PDB file of N, CA and C in Angstrom:
ATOM      1  N   MET A   1      34.148  33.294  21.484  1.00  0.00           N
ATOM      2  CA  MET A   1      34.527  32.227  22.367  1.00  0.00           C
ATOM      3  C   MET A   1      35.697  31.657  21.309  1.00  0.00           C
ATOM      4  N   GLU A   2      36.175  31.676  22.641  1.00  0.00           N
ATOM      5  CA  GLU A   2      37.903  31.028  21.733  1.00  0.00           C
ATOM      6  C   GLU A   2      37.017  29.806  20.953  1.00  0.00           C
ATOM      7  N   LYS A   3      38.764  30.221  20.342  1.00  0.00           N
ATOM      8  CA  LYS A   3      38.208  29.150  18.911  1.00  0.00           C
ATOM      9  C   LYS A   3      40.320  27.744  18.974  1.00  0.00           C
ATOM     10  N   ARG A   4      40.368  28.431  20.429  1.00  0.00           N
ATOM     11  CA  ARG A   4      42.134  28.132  20.084  1.00  0.00           C
ATOM     12  C   ARG A   4      41.842  26.087  20.049  1.00  0.00           C
ATOM     13  N   LYS A   5      43.098  25.495  18.925  1.00  0.00           N
ATOM     14  CA  LYS A   5      43.487  24.151  19.157  1.00  0.00           C
ATOM     15  C   LYS A   5      44.265  23.865  20.397  1.00  0.00           C
ATOM     16  N   TYR A   6      45.021  24.901  20.373  1.00  0.00           N
ATOM     17  CA  TYR A   6      46.180  24.079  21.942  1.00  0.00           C
ATOM     18  C   TYR A   6      46.169  25.651  22.416  1.00  0.00           C
ATOM     19  N   PRO A   7      46.401  25.699  23.449  1.00  0.00           N
ATOM     20  CA  PRO A   7      45.963  26.789  24.660  1.00  0.00           C
ATOM     21  C   PRO A   7      47.213  27.686  24.982  1.00  0.00           C
ATOM     22  N   ARG A   8      47.100  28.823  24.969  1.00  0.00           N
ATOM     23  CA  ARG A   8      48.079  30.040  25.074  1.00  0.00           C
ATOM     24  C   ARG A   8      48.700  29.821  26.441  1.00  0.00           C
ATOM     25  N   MET A   9      49.719  30.198  26.201  1.00  0.00           N
ATOM     26  CA  MET A   9      50.739  30.330  27.497  1.00  0.00           C
ATOM     27  C   MET A   9      51.974  31.092  28.181  1.00  0.00           C
ATOM     28  N   GLY A  10      51.509  31.901  29.626  1.00  0.00           N
ATOM     29  CA  GLY A  10      52.958  32.480  29.693  1.00  0.00           C
ATOM     30  C   GLY A  10      53.835  31.823  29.598  1.00  0.00           C
ATOM     31  N   ILE A  11      54.901  32.377  29.305  1.00  0.00           N
ATOM     32  CA  ILE A  11      56.558  31.567  29.812  1.00  0.00           C
ATOM     33  C   ILE A  11      57.303  32.939  30.054  1.00  0.00           C
ATOM     34  N   GLY A  12      58.167  32.898  31.175  1.00  0.00           N
ATOM     35  CA  GLY A  12      58.666  33.714  31.504  1.00  0.00           C
ATOM     36  C   GLY A  12      60.137  33.848  30.830  1.00  0.00           C
ATOM     37  N   ASN A  13      61.091  34.847  30.801  1.00  0.00           N
ATOM     38  CA  ASN A  13      62.580  34.957  29.949  1.00  0.00           C
ATOM     39  C   ASN A  13      62.563  34.721  28.174  1.00  0.00           C
ATOM     40  N   LEU A  14      61.629  35.009  27.371  1.00  0.00           N
ATOM     41  CA  LEU A  14      61.327  34.687  26.493  1.00  0.00           C
ATOM     42  C   LEU A  14      61.107  35.919  25.370  1.00  0.00           C
ATOM     43  N   SER A  15      62.386  35.884  24.513  1.00  0.00           N
ATOM     44  CA  SER A  15      62.455  37.020  23.486  1.00  0.00           C
ATOM     45  C   SER A  15      62.288  37.256  22.324  1.00  0.00           C
ATOM     46  N   VAL A  16      62.172  38.349  21.677  1.00  0.00           N
ATOM     47  CA  VAL A  16      61.565  37.909  20.294  1.00  0.00           C
ATOM     48  C   VAL A  16      62.961  38.921  19.018  1.00  0.00           C
ATOM     49  N   ASP A  17      63.142  38.555  18.080  1.00  0.00           N
ATOM     50  CA  ASP A  17      63.418  39.447  17.001  1.00  0.00           C
ATOM     51  C   ASP A  17      62.431  39.622  15.883  1.00  0.00           C
ATOM     52  N   VAL A  18      62.125  40.732  15.323  1.00  0.00           N
ATOM     53  CA  VAL A  18      60.936  40.026  14.312  1.00  0.00           C
ATOM     54  C   VAL A  18      61.740  41.091  13.265  1.00  0.00           C
ATOM     55  N   SER A  19      61.439  40.871  12.029  1.00  0.00           N
ATOM     56  CA  SER A  19      61.716  40.635  10.480  1.00  0.00           C
ATOM     57  C   SER A  19      60.159  41.053   9.885  1.00  0.00           C
ATOM     58  N   ASP A  20      60.293  42.398   9.384  1.00  0.00           N
ATOM     59  CA  ASP A  20      58.950  42.224   8.727  1.00  0.00           C
ATOM     60  C   ASP A  20      59.403  42.376   6.707  1.00  0.00           C
ATOM     61  N   GLY A  21      60.417  42.350   6.966  1.00  0.00           N
ATOM     62  CA  GLY A  21      60.863  42.332   4.923  1.00  0.00           C
ATOM     63  C   GLY A  21      61.588  43.761   5.105  1.00  0.00           C
ATOM     64  N   VAL A  22      61.756  44.592   6.045  1.00  0.00           N
ATOM     65  CA  VAL A  22      62.357  46.214   5.699  1.00  0.00           C
ATOM     66  C   VAL A  22      63.252  46.314   6.407  1.00  0.00           C
ATOM     67  N   GLY A  23      62.510  45.773   8.029  1.00  0.00           N
ATOM     68  CA  GLY A  23      63.369  46.154   9.389  1.00  0.00           C
ATOM     69  C   GLY A  23      62.891  44.784  10.075  1.00  0.00           C
ATOM     70  N   PHE A  24      64.640  44.984  11.283  1.00  0.00           N
ATOM     71  CA  PHE A  24      64.331  43.863  12.140  1.00  0.00           C
ATOM     72  C   PHE A  24      64.258  45.377  13.367  1.00  0.00           C
ATOM     73  N   PHE A  25      63.862  44.169  14.232  1.00  0.00           N
ATOM     74  CA  PHE A  25      62.741  44.850  15.915  1.00  0.00           C
ATOM     75  C   PHE A  25      62.615  43.838  16.433  1.00  0.00           C
ATOM     76  N   PRO A  26      63.469  44.324  17.830  1.00  0.00           N
ATOM     77  CA  PRO A  26      63.289  43.416  19.707  1.00  0.00           C
ATOM     78  C   PRO A  26      62.221  43.868  19.722  1.00  0.00           C
ATOM     79  N   GLY A  27      61.765  42.771  20.351  1.00  0.00           N
ATOM     80  CA  GLY A  27      60.580  42.942  21.472  1.00  0.00           C
ATOM     81  C   GLY A  27      59.829  41.830  22.263  1.00  0.00           C
ATOM     82  N   ALA A  28      59.276  41.292  23.268  1.00  0.00           N
ATOM     83  CA  ALA A  28      58.846  40.406  24.114  1.00  0.00           C
ATOM     84  C   ALA A  28      57.440  39.597  23.414  1.00  0.00           C
ATOM     85  N   VAL A  29      57.602  38.101  24.519  1.00  0.00           N
ATOM     86  CA  VAL A  29      56.947  37.026  24.035  1.00  0.00           C
ATOM     87  C   VAL A  29      56.147  37.389  25.364  1.00  0.00           C
ATOM     88  N   SER A  30      54.460  37.522  24.507  1.00  0.00           N
ATOM     89  CA  SER A  30      53.709  37.858  25.808  1.00  0.00           C
ATOM     90  C   SER A  30      53.269  36.335  25.812  1.00  0.00           C
ATOM     91  N   ASP A  31      52.830  34.790  25.087  1.00  0.00           N
ATOM     92  CA  ASP A  31      52.488  34.165  25.370  1.00  0.00           C
ATOM     93  C   ASP A  31      52.623  33.453  24.196  1.00  0.00           C
ATOM     94  N   VAL A  32      52.279  31.694  23.602  1.00  0.00           N
ATOM     95  CA  VAL A  32      52.938  31.086  23.164  1.00  0.00           C
ATOM     96  C   VAL A  32      52.001  29.857  23.313  1.00  0.00           C
ATOM     97  N   SER A  33      52.127  29.051  21.464  1.00  0.00           N
ATOM     98  CA  SER A  33      51.215  27.862  21.660  1.00  0.00           C
ATOM     99  C   SER A  33      52.393  26.920  20.538  1.00  0.00           C
ATOM    100  N   ARG A  34      51.468  25.820  20.303  1.00  0.00           N
ATOM    101  CA  ARG A  34      52.221  24.515  19.176  1.00  0.00           C
ATOM    102  C   ARG A  34      52.541  25.379  18.210  1.00  0.00           C
ATOM    103  N   ILE A  35      50.918  25.995  17.470  1.00  0.00           N
ATOM    104  CA  ILE A  35      50.725  27.123  15.932  1.00  0.00           C
ATOM    105  C   ILE A  35      50.572  28.175  16.382  1.00  0.00           C
ATOM    106  N   GLY A  36      50.922  28.918  17.720  1.00  0.00           N
ATOM    107  CA  GLY A  36      50.640  31.245  17.574  1.00  0.00           C
ATOM    108  C   GLY A  36      51.636  31.493  19.042  1.00  0.00           C
ATOM    109  N   ILE A  37      52.016  32.770  18.267  1.00  0.00           N
ATOM    110  CA  ILE A  37      52.919  33.504  18.941  1.00  0.00           C
ATOM    111  C   ILE A  37      52.236  34.702  19.648  1.00  0.00           C
ATOM    112  N   GLY A  38      51.962  35.640  20.775  1.00  0.00           N
ATOM    113  CA  GLY A  38      51.512  36.561  20.568  1.00  0.00           C
ATOM    114  C   GLY A  38      53.294  37.347  21.261  1.00  0.00           C
ATOM    115  N   MET A  39      53.443  38.413  20.383  1.00  0.00           N
ATOM    116  CA  MET A  39      54.238  39.223  20.600  1.00  0.00           C
ATOM    117  C   MET A  39      53.508  40.830  21.090  1.00  0.00           C
ATOM    118  N   SER A  40      54.347  41.242  21.611  1.00  0.00           N
ATOM    119  CA  SER A  40      54.380  42.637  22.389  1.00  0.00           C
ATOM    120  C   SER A  40      55.542  43.617  22.626  1.00  0.00           C
ATOM    121  N   ASP A  41      55.347  44.791  22.742  1.00  0.00           N
ATOM    122  CA  ASP A  41      56.771  45.667  23.211  1.00  0.00           C
ATOM    123  C   ASP A  41      57.209  45.641  21.707  1.00  0.00           C
ATOM    124  N   LEU A  42      56.350  45.728  20.842  1.00  0.00           N
ATOM    125  CA  LEU A  42      57.103  46.045  19.286  1.00  0.00           C
ATOM    126  C   LEU A  42      56.923  47.853  18.467  1.00  0.00           C
ATOM    127  N   PRO A  43      57.888  48.092  17.910  1.00  0.00           N
ATOM    128  CA  PRO A  43      57.723  49.298  18.150  1.00  0.00           C
ATOM    129  C   PRO A  43      57.100  49.327  16.338  1.00  0.00           C
ATOM    130  N   LYS A  44      56.136  50.708  17.080  1.00  0.00           N
ATOM    131  CA  LYS A  44      55.165  51.218  16.055  1.00  0.00           C
ATOM    132  C   LYS A  44      55.102  50.398  14.454  1.00  0.00           C
ATOM    133  N   ARG A  45      56.289  51.222  14.041  1.00  0.00           N
ATOM    134  CA  ARG A  45      57.008  51.002  12.900  1.00  0.00           C
ATOM    135  C   ARG A  45      57.055  49.626  11.657  1.00  0.00           C
ATOM    136  N   LEU A  46      56.576  48.455  13.403  1.00  0.00           N
ATOM    137  CA  LEU A  46      56.818  46.988  12.257  1.00  0.00           C
ATOM    138  C   LEU A  46      55.441  46.936  11.578  1.00  0.00           C
ATOM    139  N   ASP A  47      55.462  46.989  10.301  1.00  0.00           N
ATOM    140  CA  ASP A  47      54.190  46.229   9.197  1.00  0.00           C
ATOM    141  C   ASP A  47      54.261  45.150   9.625  1.00  0.00           C
ATOM    142  N   GLY A  48      52.430  45.453  10.722  1.00  0.00           N
ATOM    143  CA  GLY A  48      52.098  44.819  10.839  1.00  0.00           C
ATOM    144  C   GLY A  48      50.476  43.611  10.181  1.00  0.00           C
ATOM    145  N   ASP A  49      50.399  44.102   9.095  1.00  0.00           N
ATOM    146  CA  ASP A  49      49.790  43.993   6.941  1.00  0.00           C
ATOM    147  C   ASP A  49      50.253  43.712   6.602  1.00  0.00           C
ATOM    148  N   VAL A  50      51.655  42.783   7.018  1.00  0.00           N
ATOM    149  CA  VAL A  50      52.848  42.212   5.563  1.00  0.00           C
ATOM    150  C   VAL A  50      52.452  40.596   5.694  1.00  0.00           C
ATOM    151  N   LYS A  51      52.833  39.752   4.766  1.00  0.00           N
ATOM    152  CA  LYS A  51      51.695  38.268   4.355  1.00  0.00           C
ATOM    153  C   LYS A  51      52.521  36.929   5.179  1.00  0.00           C
ATOM    154  N   ARG A  52      53.647  38.069   5.836  1.00  0.00           N
ATOM    155  CA  ARG A  52      55.194  36.934   6.158  1.00  0.00           C
ATOM    156  C   ARG A  52      55.701  37.651   7.051  1.00  0.00           C
ATOM    157  N   MET A  53      56.158  36.837   7.926  1.00  0.00           N
ATOM    158  CA  MET A  53      57.241  37.219   8.613  1.00  0.00           C
ATOM    159  C   MET A  53      58.397  36.089   9.146  1.00  0.00           C
ATOM    160  N   THR A  54      59.470  36.613   9.702  1.00  0.00           N
ATOM    161  CA  THR A  54      60.467  35.958  10.032  1.00  0.00           C
ATOM    162  C   THR A  54      60.832  36.012  11.414  1.00  0.00           C
ATOM    163  N   ILE A  55      60.806  35.444  12.209  1.00  0.00           N
ATOM    164  CA  ILE A  55      61.201  35.565  13.963  1.00  0.00           C
ATOM    165  C   ILE A  55      61.549  34.893  14.719  1.00  0.00           C
ATOM    166  N   VAL A  56      62.863  35.441  15.382  1.00  0.00           N
ATOM    167  CA  VAL A  56      63.457  34.634  15.897  1.00  0.00           C
ATOM    168  C   VAL A  56      63.423  34.504  17.486  1.00  0.00           C
ATOM    169  N   VAL A  57      62.784  33.682  18.237  1.00  0.00           N
ATOM    170  CA  VAL A  57      62.350  33.794  19.441  1.00  0.00           C
ATOM    171  C   VAL A  57      63.925  32.743  20.517  1.00  0.00           C
ATOM    172  N   SER A  58      64.062  33.370  21.299  1.00  0.00           N
ATOM    173  CA  SER A  58      65.506  33.367  21.982  1.00  0.00           C
ATOM    174  C   SER A  58      64.855  33.059  23.429  1.00  0.00           C
ATOM    175  N   VAL A  59      65.726  31.756  24.394  1.00  0.00           N
ATOM    176  CA  VAL A  59      65.348  31.413  25.413  1.00  0.00           C
ATOM    177  C   VAL A  59      66.948  31.861  25.932  1.00  0.00           C
ATOM    178  N   PRO A  60      67.299  31.432  27.177  1.00  0.00           N
ATOM    179  CA  PRO A  60      68.387  31.454  27.645  1.00  0.00           C
ATOM    180  C   PRO A  60      68.938  29.910  27.279  1.00  0.00           C
ATOM    181  N   GLY A  61      70.076  30.218  26.200  1.00  0.00           N
ATOM    182  CA  GLY A  61      70.738  29.226  25.648  1.00  0.00           C
ATOM    183  C   GLY A  61      70.355  28.414  24.167  1.00  0.00           C
ATOM    184  N   GLU A  62      68.944  28.792  23.128  1.00  0.00           N
ATOM    185  CA  GLU A  62      68.382  28.640  22.932  1.00  0.00           C
ATOM    186  C   GLU A  62      67.686  29.239  21.765  1.00  0.00           C
ATOM    187  N   HIS A  63      67.803  29.750  20.304  1.00  0.00           N
ATOM    188  CA  HIS A  63      67.250  30.281  19.593  1.00  0.00           C
ATOM    189  C   HIS A  63      66.268  29.767  18.465  1.00  0.00           C
ATOM    190  N   PHE A  64      64.978  29.780  18.259  1.00  0.00           N
ATOM    191  CA  PHE A  64      63.954  29.072  17.301  1.00  0.00           C
ATOM    192  C   PHE A  64      63.967  30.164  16.500  1.00  0.00           C
ATOM    193  N   LYS A  65      64.296  29.730  14.764  1.00  0.00           N
ATOM    194  CA  LYS A  65      63.673  31.422  13.905  1.00  0.00           C
ATOM    195  C   LYS A  65      62.675  29.839  13.263  1.00  0.00           C
ATOM    196  N   MET A  66      61.915  31.220  12.893  1.00  0.00           N
ATOM    197  CA  MET A  66      60.039  30.250  12.396  1.00  0.00           C
ATOM    198  C   MET A  66      59.780  31.673  10.927  1.00  0.00           C
ATOM    199  N   ASN A  67      58.990  31.133   9.914  1.00  0.00           N
ATOM    200  CA  ASN A  67      58.168  32.076   9.440  1.00  0.00           C
ATOM    201  C   ASN A  67      56.740  31.908   9.975  1.00  0.00           C
ATOM    202  N   VAL A  68      56.113  32.842   9.747  1.00  0.00           N
ATOM    203  CA  VAL A  68      54.995  33.518  10.835  1.00  0.00           C
ATOM    204  C   VAL A  68      53.969  34.456   9.804  1.00  0.00           C
ATOM    205  N   ARG A  69      52.472  34.482  10.171  1.00  0.00           N
ATOM    206  CA  ARG A  69      51.512  34.773   9.489  1.00  0.00           C
ATOM    207  C   ARG A  69      51.350  35.728  10.504  1.00  0.00           C
ATOM    208  N   PRO A  70      50.857  36.735  10.107  1.00  0.00           N
ATOM    209  CA  PRO A  70      50.604  38.168  11.179  1.00  0.00           C
ATOM    210  C   PRO A  70      48.580  37.647  11.392  1.00  0.00           C
ATOM    211  N   ARG A  71      48.674  37.719  12.593  1.00  0.00           N
ATOM    212  CA  ARG A  71      46.430  37.338  12.767  1.00  0.00           C
ATOM    213  C   ARG A  71      46.110  38.759  12.670  1.00  0.00           C
ATOM    214  N   TRP A  72      46.457  38.969  13.641  1.00  0.00           N
ATOM    215  CA  TRP A  72      45.904  40.617  14.620  1.00  0.00           C
ATOM    216  C   TRP A  72      46.781  41.764  15.103  1.00  0.00           C
ATOM    217  N   SER A  73      47.065  43.185  14.693  1.00  0.00           N
ATOM    218  CA  SER A  73      47.966  43.948  15.665  1.00  0.00           C
ATOM    219  C   SER A  73      47.435  44.747  16.205  1.00  0.00           C
ATOM    220  N   THR A  74      47.599  45.473  17.522  1.00  0.00           N
ATOM    221  CA  THR A  74      46.972  46.514  17.951  1.00  0.00           C
ATOM    222  C   THR A  74      47.997  47.341  18.557  1.00  0.00           C
ATOM    223  N   LYS A  75      47.944  48.746  18.341  1.00  0.00           N
ATOM    224  CA  LYS A  75      48.419  49.717  18.847  1.00  0.00           C
ATOM    225  C   LYS A  75      48.432  50.188  20.204  1.00  0.00           C
ATOM    226  N   ASP A  76      49.793  51.139  20.891  1.00  0.00           N
ATOM    227  CA  ASP A  76      49.132  51.760  22.235  1.00  0.00           C
ATOM    228  C   ASP A  76      50.892  52.321  22.710  1.00  0.00           C
ATOM    229  N   GLY A  77      50.234  53.862  21.493  1.00  0.00           N
ATOM    230  CA  GLY A  77      50.971  54.790  21.789  1.00  0.00           C
ATOM    231  C   GLY A  77      52.425  54.621  20.882  1.00  0.00           C
ATOM    232  N   VAL A  78      53.094  54.759  20.984  1.00  0.00           N
ATOM    233  CA  VAL A  78      54.397  54.389  19.991  1.00  0.00           C
ATOM    234  C   VAL A  78      54.750  52.166  20.376  1.00  0.00           C
ATOM    235  N   ARG A  79      54.321  51.644  20.720  1.00  0.00           N
ATOM    236  CA  ARG A  79      54.283  50.183  20.828  1.00  0.00           C
ATOM    237  C   ARG A  79      53.375  49.450  19.652  1.00  0.00           C
ATOM    238  N   LYS A  80      53.315  48.557  20.334  1.00  0.00           N
ATOM    239  CA  LYS A  80      52.385  47.400  19.436  1.00  0.00           C
ATOM    240  C   LYS A  80      52.828  46.041  19.529  1.00  0.00           C
ATOM    241  N   SER A  81      51.385  45.453  19.586  1.00  0.00           N
ATOM    242  CA  SER A  81      51.358  44.193  19.646  1.00  0.00           C
ATOM    243  C   SER A  81      50.786  43.336  18.857  1.00  0.00           C
ATOM    244  N   VAL A  82      51.454  41.892  18.618  1.00  0.00           N
ATOM    245  CA  VAL A  82      51.123  41.465  17.512  1.00  0.00           C
ATOM    246  C   VAL A  82      51.179  39.775  17.535  1.00  0.00           C
ATOM    247  N   GLY A  83      49.896  39.242  16.685  1.00  0.00           N
ATOM    248  CA  GLY A  83      49.620  37.627  17.494  1.00  0.00           C
ATOM    249  C   GLY A  83      50.007  36.620  16.207  1.00  0.00           C
ATOM    250  N   VAL A  84      50.809  36.016  15.958  1.00  0.00           N
ATOM    251  CA  VAL A  84      50.910  35.719  14.171  1.00  0.00           C
ATOM    252  C   VAL A  84      50.582  33.950  14.423  1.00  0.00           C
ATOM    253  N   GLU A  85      50.771  33.251  14.202  1.00  0.00           N
ATOM    254  CA  GLU A  85      50.311  32.236  13.605  1.00  0.00           C
ATOM    255  C   GLU A  85      51.724  31.176  12.759  1.00  0.00           C
ATOM    256  N   ILE A  86      52.064  30.397  13.656  1.00  0.00           N
ATOM    257  CA  ILE A  86      53.290  30.045  13.041  1.00  0.00           C
ATOM    258  C   ILE A  86      53.202  28.568  11.696  1.00  0.00           C
ATOM    259  N   MET A  87      54.139  29.361  10.940  1.00  0.00           N
ATOM    260  CA  MET A  87      53.687  28.517   9.308  1.00  0.00           C
ATOM    261  C   MET A  87      54.949  27.589   9.178  1.00  0.00           C
ATOM    262  N   SER A  88      55.801  27.514   9.322  1.00  0.00           N
ATOM    263  CA  SER A  88      57.722  26.624   9.743  1.00  0.00           C
ATOM    264  C   SER A  88      58.087  26.883  10.890  1.00  0.00           C
ATOM    265  N   ALA A  89      58.411  26.074  11.577  1.00  0.00           N
ATOM    266  CA  ALA A  89      59.117  25.725  13.080  1.00  0.00           C
ATOM    267  C   ALA A  89      60.182  25.187  13.314  1.00  0.00           C
ATOM    268  N   PRO A  90      60.996  25.004  13.891  1.00  0.00           N
ATOM    269  CA  PRO A  90      61.646  23.644  13.981  1.00  0.00           C
ATOM    270  C   PRO A  90      61.658  22.724  15.097  1.00  0.00           C
ATOM    271  N   TYR A  91      61.244  21.534  14.654  1.00  0.00           N
ATOM    272  CA  TYR A  91      60.973  20.699  15.684  1.00  0.00           C
ATOM    273  C   TYR A  91      61.271  20.506  16.998  1.00  0.00           C
ATOM    274  N   GLY A  92      62.502  21.571  17.663  1.00  0.00           N
ATOM    275  CA  GLY A  92      62.522  21.938  19.135  1.00  0.00           C
ATOM    276  C   GLY A  92      61.548  22.816  19.610  1.00  0.00           C
ATOM    277  N   TRP A  93      61.170  23.710  19.024  1.00  0.00           N
ATOM    278  CA  TRP A  93      59.989  24.490  19.130  1.00  0.00           C
ATOM    279  C   TRP A  93      58.510  23.972  20.116  1.00  0.00           C
ATOM    280  N   THR A  94      58.148  22.366  19.395  1.00  0.00           N
ATOM    281  CA  THR A  94      56.816  21.667  19.523  1.00  0.00           C
ATOM    282  C   THR A  94      57.379  20.802  20.781  1.00  0.00           C
ATOM    283  N   GLU A  95      58.495  20.514  21.178  1.00  0.00           N
ATOM    284  CA  GLU A  95      58.542  19.864  21.665  1.00  0.00           C
ATOM    285  C   GLU A  95      58.975  21.395  23.438  1.00  0.00           C
ATOM    286  N   PHE A  96      59.546  22.191  22.704  1.00  0.00           N
ATOM    287  CA  PHE A  96      59.728  23.422  23.916  1.00  0.00           C
ATOM    288  C   PHE A  96      58.599  23.718  24.674  1.00  0.00           C
ATOM    289  N   VAL A  97      57.527  24.063  23.913  1.00  0.00           N
ATOM    290  CA  VAL A  97      56.277  24.744  24.210  1.00  0.00           C
ATOM    291  C   VAL A  97      55.765  23.215  24.849  1.00  0.00           C
ATOM    292  N   MET A  98      55.588  21.901  24.579  1.00  0.00           N
ATOM    293  CA  MET A  98      55.070  21.286  24.578  1.00  0.00           C
ATOM    294  C   MET A  98      55.229  20.965  26.732  1.00  0.00           C
ATOM    295  N   ASN A  99      56.453  21.140  26.533  1.00  0.00           N
ATOM    296  CA  ASN A  99      57.207  20.847  27.988  1.00  0.00           C
ATOM    297  C   ASN A  99      56.270  21.933  28.869  1.00  0.00           C
ATOM    298  N   PHE A 100      55.424  22.823  28.940  1.00  0.00           N
ATOM    299  CA  PHE A 100      54.584  24.286  29.901  1.00  0.00           C
ATOM    300  C   PHE A 100      53.333  23.404  29.051  1.00  0.00           C
ATOM    301  N   GLU A 101      52.775  22.997  28.571  1.00  0.00           N
ATOM    302  CA  GLU A 101      51.634  22.850  28.711  1.00  0.00           C
ATOM    303  C   GLU A 101      50.725  22.084  29.649  1.00  0.00           C
ATOM    304  N   PRO A 102      49.903  22.110  29.886  1.00  0.00           N
ATOM    305  CA  PRO A 102      49.452  21.569  31.168  1.00  0.00           C
ATOM    306  C   PRO A 102      48.653  19.750  30.862  1.00  0.00           C
ATOM    307  N   VAL A 103      49.277  19.146  31.879  1.00  0.00           N
ATOM    308  CA  VAL A 103      48.494  17.333  32.076  1.00  0.00           C
ATOM    309  C   VAL A 103      47.665  17.356  32.503  1.00  0.00           C
ATOM    310  N   PHE A 104      47.113  16.630  31.909  1.00  0.00           N
ATOM    311  CA  PHE A 104      45.102  16.494  31.953  1.00  0.00           C
ATOM    312  C   PHE A 104      45.179  15.191  32.553  1.00  0.00           C
ATOM    313  N   HIS A 105      44.635  14.850  34.084  1.00  0.00           N
ATOM    314  CA  HIS A 105      44.315  13.578  34.311  1.00  0.00           C
ATOM    315  C   HIS A 105      43.592  12.492  33.595  1.00  0.00           C
ATOM    316  N   ASP A 106      43.085  11.631  32.997  1.00  0.00           N
ATOM    317  CA  ASP A 106      42.897  10.919  32.177  1.00  0.00           C
ATOM    318  C   ASP A 106      42.265   9.211  32.705  1.00  0.00           C
ATOM    319  N   ASP A 107      41.222   9.053  33.219  1.00  0.00           N
ATOM    320  CA  ASP A 107      41.217   7.342  33.610  1.00  0.00           C
ATOM    321  C   ASP A 107      41.611   6.362  33.129  1.00  0.00           C
ATOM    322  N   VAL A 108      41.264   6.431  31.863  1.00  0.00           N
ATOM    323  CA  VAL A 108      41.878   5.495  30.583  1.00  0.00           C
ATOM    324  C   VAL A 108      43.000   5.031  30.162  1.00  0.00           C
ATOM    325  N   TRP A 109      44.042   6.250  30.183  1.00  0.00           N
ATOM    326  CA  TRP A 109      44.988   7.046  29.363  1.00  0.00           C
ATOM    327  C   TRP A 109      46.107   7.162  29.894  1.00  0.00           C
ATOM    328  N   GLY A 110      46.002   7.935  31.041  1.00  0.00           N
ATOM    329  CA  GLY A 110      46.616   7.716  31.853  1.00  0.00           C
ATOM    330  C   GLY A 110      47.200   9.721  32.178  1.00  0.00           C
ATOM    331  N   GLU A 111      48.044  10.201  32.017  1.00  0.00           N
ATOM    332  CA  GLU A 111      48.014  11.544  32.169  1.00  0.00           C
ATOM    333  C   GLU A 111      48.558  11.888  30.435  1.00  0.00           C
ATOM    334  N   VAL A 112      47.569  12.566  29.929  1.00  0.00           N
ATOM    335  CA  VAL A 112      47.439  13.074  28.335  1.00  0.00           C
ATOM    336  C   VAL A 112      47.783  14.523  28.736  1.00  0.00           C
ATOM    337  N   ARG A 113      48.316  15.386  27.491  1.00  0.00           N
ATOM    338  CA  ARG A 113      48.397  16.045  27.139  1.00  0.00           C
ATOM    339  C   ARG A 113      47.837  16.568  25.955  1.00  0.00           C
ATOM    340  N   LEU A 114      47.498  17.803  25.976  1.00  0.00           N
ATOM    341  CA  LEU A 114      46.514  18.599  24.452  1.00  0.00           C
ATOM    342  C   LEU A 114      47.402  17.819  23.227  1.00  0.00           C
TER     343      LEU A 114
END
């Protein structure tokens, strides 16, 4: 059963650099929400069992540095995917993600975002 508070959305042109405290690795962002990020195409040697990671999500013209906590990881050959919960992010991140959230039409309040 889906327990997400905010929907995950695929947004193109996002890359990520991840530090597990030992190394620094490039990857791709598979989906995002206000409070979580799915990352893919990461090297298998990235330690997905650490308590904390630092990531930098990059879009053309902007970079968002965040502290995150790994929630799950899967391996596929020499690559890995990791889902993280955002512990601290710049204010601009929430604003950036909200621009991609679906708008729901409500008769009482007008257009309402999640």
